[in-house]
Amino acid sequence: MFIGVDLGGTNIAAGLVDAYGKLLHNE
């Protein structure tokens, strides 16, 4: 499992992603 974070000027979005690039959960 991997975690990705999209850091923007307005919002910070993050999610749990599997090895195939499928987004499993995000906040």
PDB file of all heavy atoms in Angstrom:
ATOM      1  N   MET A   1       0.834  -1.194   0.000  1.00  0.00           N
ATOM      2  CA  MET A   1       0.000   0.000   0.000  1.00  0.00           C
ATOM      3  C   MET A   1       0.876   1.253   0.000  1.00  0.00           C
ATOM      4  O   MET A   1       1.968   1.256   0.563  1.00  0.00           O
ATOM      5  CB  MET A   1      -0.899   0.031   1.244  1.00  0.00           C
ATOM      6  CG  MET A   1      -1.900  -1.100   1.300  1.00  0.00           C
ATOM      7  SD  MET A   1      -3.177  -0.930   0.052  1.00  0.00           S
ATOM      8  CE  MET A   1      -4.227  -2.304   0.516  1.00  0.00           C
ATOM      9  N   PHE A   2       0.349   2.304  -0.611  1.00  0.00           N
ATOM     10  CA  PHE A   2       1.064   3.574  -0.694  1.00  0.00           C
ATOM     11  C   PHE A   2       0.111   4.699  -0.296  1.00  0.00           C
ATOM     12  O   PHE A   2      -1.104   4.579  -0.448  1.00  0.00           O
ATOM     13  CB  PHE A   2       1.565   3.820  -2.114  1.00  0.00           C
ATOM     14  CG  PHE A   2       2.462   2.738  -2.645  1.00  0.00           C
ATOM     15  CD1 PHE A   2       1.934   1.614  -3.262  1.00  0.00           C
ATOM     16  CD2 PHE A   2       3.836   2.856  -2.544  1.00  0.00           C
ATOM     17  CE1 PHE A   2       2.751   0.608  -3.761  1.00  0.00           C
ATOM     18  CE2 PHE A   2       4.672   1.859  -3.041  1.00  0.00           C
ATOM     19  CZ  PHE A   2       4.130   0.731  -3.647  1.00  0.00           C
ATOM     20  N   ILE A   3       0.674   5.799   0.168  1.00  0.00           N
ATOM     21  CA  ILE A   3      -0.131   6.985   0.455  1.00  0.00           C
ATOM     22  C   ILE A   3       0.357   8.123  -0.427  1.00  0.00           C
ATOM     23  O   ILE A   3       1.567   8.358  -0.557  1.00  0.00           O
ATOM     24  CB  ILE A   3      -0.065   7.369   1.949  1.00  0.00           C
ATOM     25  CG1 ILE A   3      -0.939   6.401   2.753  1.00  0.00           C
ATOM     26  CG2 ILE A   3      -0.538   8.804   2.165  1.00  0.00           C
ATOM     27  CD1 ILE A   3      -0.992   6.685   4.234  1.00  0.00           C
ATOM     28  N   GLY A   4      -0.593   8.803  -1.042  1.00  0.00           N
ATOM     29  CA  GLY A   4      -0.276   9.957  -1.869  1.00  0.00           C
ATOM     30  C   GLY A   4      -0.892  11.203  -1.285  1.00  0.00           C
ATOM     31  O   GLY A   4      -2.025  11.179  -0.785  1.00  0.00           O
ATOM     32  N   VAL A   5      -0.143  12.307  -1.340  1.00  0.00           N
ATOM     33  CA  VAL A   5      -0.614  13.599  -0.826  1.00  0.00           C
ATOM     34  C   VAL A   5      -0.528  14.634  -1.939  1.00  0.00           C
ATOM     35  O   VAL A   5       0.529  14.813  -2.552  1.00  0.00           O
ATOM     36  CB  VAL A   5       0.230  14.070   0.383  1.00  0.00           C
ATOM     37  CG1 VAL A   5      -0.273  15.422   0.885  1.00  0.00           C
ATOM     38  CG2 VAL A   5       0.200  13.038   1.490  1.00  0.00           C
ATOM     39  N   ASP A   6      -1.638  15.298  -2.205  1.00  0.00           N
ATOM     40  CA  ASP A   6      -1.704  16.371  -3.197  1.00  0.00           C
ATOM     41  C   ASP A   6      -1.776  17.681  -2.426  1.00  0.00           C
ATOM     42  O   ASP A   6      -2.823  18.060  -1.906  1.00  0.00           O
ATOM     43  CB  ASP A   6      -2.939  16.178  -4.077  1.00  0.00           C
ATOM     44  CG  ASP A   6      -3.023  17.189  -5.212  1.00  0.00           C
ATOM     45  OD1 ASP A   6      -2.089  17.998  -5.357  1.00  0.00           O
ATOM     46  OD2 ASP A   6      -4.028  17.170  -5.947  1.00  0.00           O
ATOM     47  N   LEU A   7      -0.632  18.355  -2.327  1.00  0.00           N
ATOM     48  CA  LEU A   7      -0.534  19.585  -1.543  1.00  0.00           C
ATOM     49  C   LEU A   7      -0.821  20.789  -2.429  1.00  0.00           C
ATOM     50  O   LEU A   7      -0.040  21.114  -3.316  1.00  0.00           O
ATOM     51  CB  LEU A   7       0.866  19.694  -0.924  1.00  0.00           C
ATOM     52  CG  LEU A   7       1.193  20.971  -0.150  1.00  0.00           C
ATOM     53  CD1 LEU A   7       0.228  21.176   1.012  1.00  0.00           C
ATOM     54  CD2 LEU A   7       2.636  20.931   0.344  1.00  0.00           C
ATOM     55  N   GLY A   8      -1.942  21.446  -2.182  1.00  0.00           N
ATOM     56  CA  GLY A   8      -2.319  22.613  -2.968  1.00  0.00           C
ATOM     57  C   GLY A   8      -2.429  23.865  -2.118  1.00  0.00           C
ATOM     58  O   GLY A   8      -2.384  23.798  -0.886  1.00  0.00           O
ATOM     59  N   GLY A   9      -2.597  24.991  -2.768  1.00  0.00           N
ATOM     60  CA  GLY A   9      -2.717  26.250  -2.044  1.00  0.00           C
ATOM     61  C   GLY A   9      -4.031  26.390  -1.315  1.00  0.00           C
ATOM     62  O   GLY A   9      -4.135  27.141  -0.339  1.00  0.00           O
ATOM     63  N   THR A  10      -5.059  25.648  -1.741  1.00  0.00           N
ATOM     64  CA  THR A  10      -6.378  25.723  -1.109  1.00  0.00           C
ATOM     65  C   THR A  10      -6.653  24.520  -0.214  1.00  0.00           C
ATOM     66  O   THR A  10      -7.134  24.672   0.912  1.00  0.00           O
ATOM     67  CB  THR A  10      -7.485  25.810  -2.189  1.00  0.00           C
ATOM     68  OG1 THR A  10      -7.230  26.936  -3.031  1.00  0.00           O
ATOM     69  CG2 THR A  10      -8.857  25.957  -1.543  1.00  0.00           C
ATOM     70  N   ASN A  11      -6.363  23.324  -0.732  1.00  0.00           N
ATOM     71  CA  ASN A  11      -6.634  22.098   0.017  1.00  0.00           C
ATOM     72  C   ASN A  11      -5.446  21.153   0.010  1.00  0.00           C
ATOM     73  O   ASN A  11      -4.612  21.185  -0.898  1.00  0.00           O
ATOM     74  CB  ASN A  11      -7.848  21.359  -0.568  1.00  0.00           C
ATOM     75  CG  ASN A  11      -9.138  22.120  -0.374  1.00  0.00           C
ATOM     76  OD1 ASN A  11      -9.539  22.416   0.741  1.00  0.00           O
ATOM     77  ND2 ASN A  11      -9.804  22.440  -1.479  1.00  0.00           N
ATOM     78  N   ILE A  12      -5.403  20.298   1.036  1.00  0.00           N
ATOM     79  CA  ILE A  12      -4.470  19.169   1.070  1.00  0.00           C
ATOM     80  C   ILE A  12      -5.324  17.921   0.928  1.00  0.00           C
ATOM     81  O   ILE A  12      -6.195  17.661   1.768  1.00  0.00           O
ATOM     82  CB  ILE A  12      -3.701  19.102   2.399  1.00  0.00           C
ATOM     83  CG1 ILE A  12      -2.983  20.417   2.690  1.00  0.00           C
ATOM     84  CG2 ILE A  12      -2.698  17.947   2.375  1.00  0.00           C
ATOM     85  CD1 ILE A  12      -2.455  20.519   4.116  1.00  0.00           C
ATOM     86  N   ALA A  13      -5.114  17.171  -0.138  1.00  0.00           N
ATOM     87  CA  ALA A  13      -5.854  15.929  -0.358  1.00  0.00           C
ATOM     88  C   ALA A  13      -4.883  14.765  -0.248  1.00  0.00           C
ATOM     89  O   ALA A  13      -3.733  14.857  -0.683  1.00  0.00           O
ATOM     90  CB  ALA A  13      -6.517  15.932  -1.729  1.00  0.00           C
ATOM     91  N   ALA A  14      -5.332  13.680   0.354  1.00  0.00           N
ATOM     92  CA  ALA A  14      -4.466  12.514   0.511  1.00  0.00           C
ATOM     93  C   ALA A  14      -5.297  11.255   0.400  1.00  0.00           C
ATOM     94  O   ALA A  14      -6.514  11.274   0.622  1.00  0.00           O
ATOM     95  CB  ALA A  14      -3.733  12.572   1.850  1.00  0.00           C
ATOM     96  N   GLY A  15      -4.624  10.164   0.037  1.00  0.00           N
ATOM     97  CA  GLY A  15      -5.366   8.917  -0.108  1.00  0.00           C
ATOM     98  C   GLY A  15      -4.486   7.693  -0.019  1.00  0.00           C
ATOM     99  O   GLY A  15      -3.257   7.763  -0.172  1.00  0.00           O
ATOM    100  N   LEU A  16      -5.133   6.562   0.249  1.00  0.00           N
ATOM    101  CA  LEU A  16      -4.479   5.253   0.263  1.00  0.00           C
ATOM    102  C   LEU A  16      -4.641   4.629  -1.116  1.00  0.00           C
ATOM    103  O   LEU A  16      -5.750   4.551  -1.648  1.00  0.00           O
ATOM    104  CB  LEU A  16      -5.130   4.364   1.326  1.00  0.00           C
ATOM    105  CG  LEU A  16      -4.519   2.971   1.525  1.00  0.00           C
ATOM    106  CD1 LEU A  16      -3.126   3.076   2.130  1.00  0.00           C
ATOM    107  CD2 LEU A  16      -5.434   2.121   2.414  1.00  0.00           C
ATOM    108  N   VAL A  17      -3.529   4.201  -1.709  1.00  0.00           N
ATOM    109  CA  VAL A  17      -3.515   3.699  -3.088  1.00  0.00           C
ATOM    110  C   VAL A  17      -2.823   2.339  -3.121  1.00  0.00           C
ATOM    111  O   VAL A  17      -1.801   2.139  -2.455  1.00  0.00           O
ATOM    112  CB  VAL A  17      -2.772   4.691  -4.018  1.00  0.00           C
ATOM    113  CG1 VAL A  17      -2.742   4.180  -5.454  1.00  0.00           C
ATOM    114  CG2 VAL A  17      -3.431   6.074  -3.954  1.00  0.00           C
ATOM    115  N   ASP A  18      -3.376   1.407  -3.885  1.00  0.00           N
ATOM    116  CA  ASP A  18      -2.725   0.102  -3.983  1.00  0.00           C
ATOM    117  C   ASP A  18      -1.636   0.118  -5.054  1.00  0.00           C
ATOM    118  O   ASP A  18      -1.421   1.125  -5.730  1.00  0.00           O
ATOM    119  CB  ASP A  18      -3.739  -1.023  -4.212  1.00  0.00           C
ATOM    120  CG  ASP A  18      -4.411  -0.991  -5.589  1.00  0.00           C
ATOM    121  OD1 ASP A  18      -3.895  -0.307  -6.510  1.00  0.00           O
ATOM    122  OD2 ASP A  18      -5.440  -1.663  -5.759  1.00  0.00           O
ATOM    123  N   ALA A  19      -0.958  -1.003  -5.223  1.00  0.00           N
ATOM    124  CA  ALA A  19       0.183  -1.085  -6.140  1.00  0.00           C
ATOM    125  C   ALA A  19      -0.201  -0.935  -7.603  1.00  0.00           C
ATOM    126  O   ALA A  19       0.656  -0.717  -8.461  1.00  0.00           O
ATOM    127  CB  ALA A  19       0.916  -2.408  -5.938  1.00  0.00           C
ATOM    128  N   TYR A  20      -1.499  -1.027  -7.905  1.00  0.00           N
ATOM    129  CA  TYR A  20      -1.987  -0.894  -9.285  1.00  0.00           C
ATOM    130  C   TYR A  20      -2.509   0.513  -9.577  1.00  0.00           C
ATOM    131  O   TYR A  20      -3.071   0.765 -10.639  1.00  0.00           O
ATOM    132  CB  TYR A  20      -3.081  -1.930  -9.551  1.00  0.00           C
ATOM    133  CG  TYR A  20      -2.616  -3.352  -9.331  1.00  0.00           C
ATOM    134  CD1 TYR A  20      -2.909  -4.019  -8.137  1.00  0.00           C
ATOM    135  CD2 TYR A  20      -1.845  -4.021 -10.281  1.00  0.00           C
ATOM    136  CE1 TYR A  20      -2.468  -5.317  -7.919  1.00  0.00           C
ATOM    137  CE2 TYR A  20      -1.397  -5.315 -10.063  1.00  0.00           C
ATOM    138  CZ  TYR A  20      -1.713  -5.955  -8.887  1.00  0.00           C
ATOM    139  OH  TYR A  20      -1.265  -7.232  -8.670  1.00  0.00           O
ATOM    140  N   GLY A  21      -2.369   1.422  -8.614  1.00  0.00           N
ATOM    141  CA  GLY A  21      -2.812   2.785  -8.810  1.00  0.00           C
ATOM    142  C   GLY A  21      -4.290   2.998  -8.539  1.00  0.00           C
ATOM    143  O   GLY A  21      -4.855   4.003  -8.955  1.00  0.00           O
ATOM    144  N   LYS A  22      -4.907   2.088  -7.805  1.00  0.00           N
ATOM    145  CA  LYS A  22      -6.326   2.245  -7.468  1.00  0.00           C
ATOM    146  C   LYS A  22      -6.452   3.009  -6.157  1.00  0.00           C
ATOM    147  O   LYS A  22      -5.867   2.626  -5.141  1.00  0.00           O
ATOM    148  CB  LYS A  22      -7.014   0.887  -7.349  1.00  0.00           C
ATOM    149  CG  LYS A  22      -8.512   0.988  -7.051  1.00  0.00           C
ATOM    150  CD  LYS A  22      -9.160  -0.392  -6.964  1.00  0.00           C
ATOM    151  CE  LYS A  22     -10.655  -0.260  -6.653  1.00  0.00           C
ATOM    152  NZ  LYS A  22     -11.305  -1.593  -6.537  1.00  0.00           N
ATOM    153  N   LEU A  23      -7.243   4.082  -6.172  1.00  0.00           N
ATOM    154  CA  LEU A  23      -7.472   4.886  -4.976  1.00  0.00           C
ATOM    155  C   LEU A  23      -8.505   4.187  -4.103  1.00  0.00           C
ATOM    156  O   LEU A  23      -9.653   4.001  -4.495  1.00  0.00           O
ATOM    157  CB  LEU A  23      -7.949   6.285  -5.376  1.00  0.00           C
ATOM    158  CG  LEU A  23      -8.219   7.284  -4.249  1.00  0.00           C
ATOM    159  CD1 LEU A  23      -6.959   7.504  -3.411  1.00  0.00           C
ATOM    160  CD2 LEU A  23      -8.713   8.606  -4.831  1.00  0.00           C
ATOM    161  N   LEU A  24      -8.102   3.807  -2.887  1.00  0.00           N
ATOM    162  CA  LEU A  24      -8.959   3.021  -2.000  1.00  0.00           C
ATOM    163  C   LEU A  24      -9.702   3.880  -0.983  1.00  0.00           C
ATOM    164  O   LEU A  24     -10.829   3.575  -0.604  1.00  0.00           O
ATOM    165  CB  LEU A  24      -8.116   1.981  -1.253  1.00  0.00           C
ATOM    166  CG  LEU A  24      -7.308   1.029  -2.133  1.00  0.00           C
ATOM    167  CD1 LEU A  24      -6.416   0.150  -1.274  1.00  0.00           C
ATOM    168  CD2 LEU A  24      -8.227   0.183  -3.008  1.00  0.00           C
ATOM    169  N   HIS A  25      -9.066   4.949  -0.532  1.00  0.00           N
ATOM    170  CA  HIS A  25      -9.691   5.829   0.465  1.00  0.00           C
ATOM    171  C   HIS A  25      -9.019   7.185   0.403  1.00  0.00           C
ATOM    172  O   HIS A  25      -7.793   7.266   0.264  1.00  0.00           O
ATOM    173  CB  HIS A  25      -9.545   5.232   1.871  1.00  0.00           C
ATOM    174  CG  HIS A  25     -10.193   6.064   2.933  1.00  0.00           C
ATOM    175  ND1 HIS A  25     -11.549   6.006   3.208  1.00  0.00           N
ATOM    176  CD2 HIS A  25      -9.687   6.998   3.774  1.00  0.00           C
ATOM    177  CE1 HIS A  25     -11.839   6.850   4.174  1.00  0.00           C
ATOM    178  NE2 HIS A  25     -10.724   7.467   4.534  1.00  0.00           N
ATOM    179  N   ASN A  26      -9.776   8.252   0.488  1.00  0.00           N
ATOM    180  CA  ASN A  26      -9.174   9.583   0.455  1.00  0.00           C
ATOM    181  C   ASN A  26      -9.894  10.561   1.377  1.00  0.00           C
ATOM    182  O   ASN A  26     -11.070  10.397   1.702  1.00  0.00           O
ATOM    183  CB  ASN A  26      -9.133  10.126  -0.970  1.00  0.00           C
ATOM    184  CG  ASN A  26     -10.491  10.319  -1.580  1.00  0.00           C
ATOM    185  OD1 ASN A  26     -11.209   9.356  -1.848  1.00  0.00           O
ATOM    186  ND2 ASN A  26     -10.862  11.574  -1.807  1.00  0.00           N
ATOM    187  N   GLU A  27      -9.152  11.571   1.788  1.00  0.00           N
ATOM    188  CA  GLU A  27      -9.647  12.624   2.669  1.00  0.00           C
ATOM    189  C   GLU A  27      -9.000  13.937   2.229  1.00  0.00           C
ATOM    190  O   GLU A  27      -7.963  13.948   1.564  1.00  0.00           O
ATOM    191  CB  GLU A  27      -9.266  12.353   4.130  1.00  0.00           C
ATOM    192  CG  GLU A  27      -9.752  11.042   4.707  1.00  0.00           C
ATOM    193  CD  GLU A  27     -11.175  11.118   5.224  1.00  0.00           C
ATOM    194  OE1 GLU A  27     -11.695  12.249   5.380  1.00  0.00           O
ATOM    195  OE2 GLU A  27     -11.773  10.053   5.486  1.00  0.00           O
TER     196      GLU A  27
END
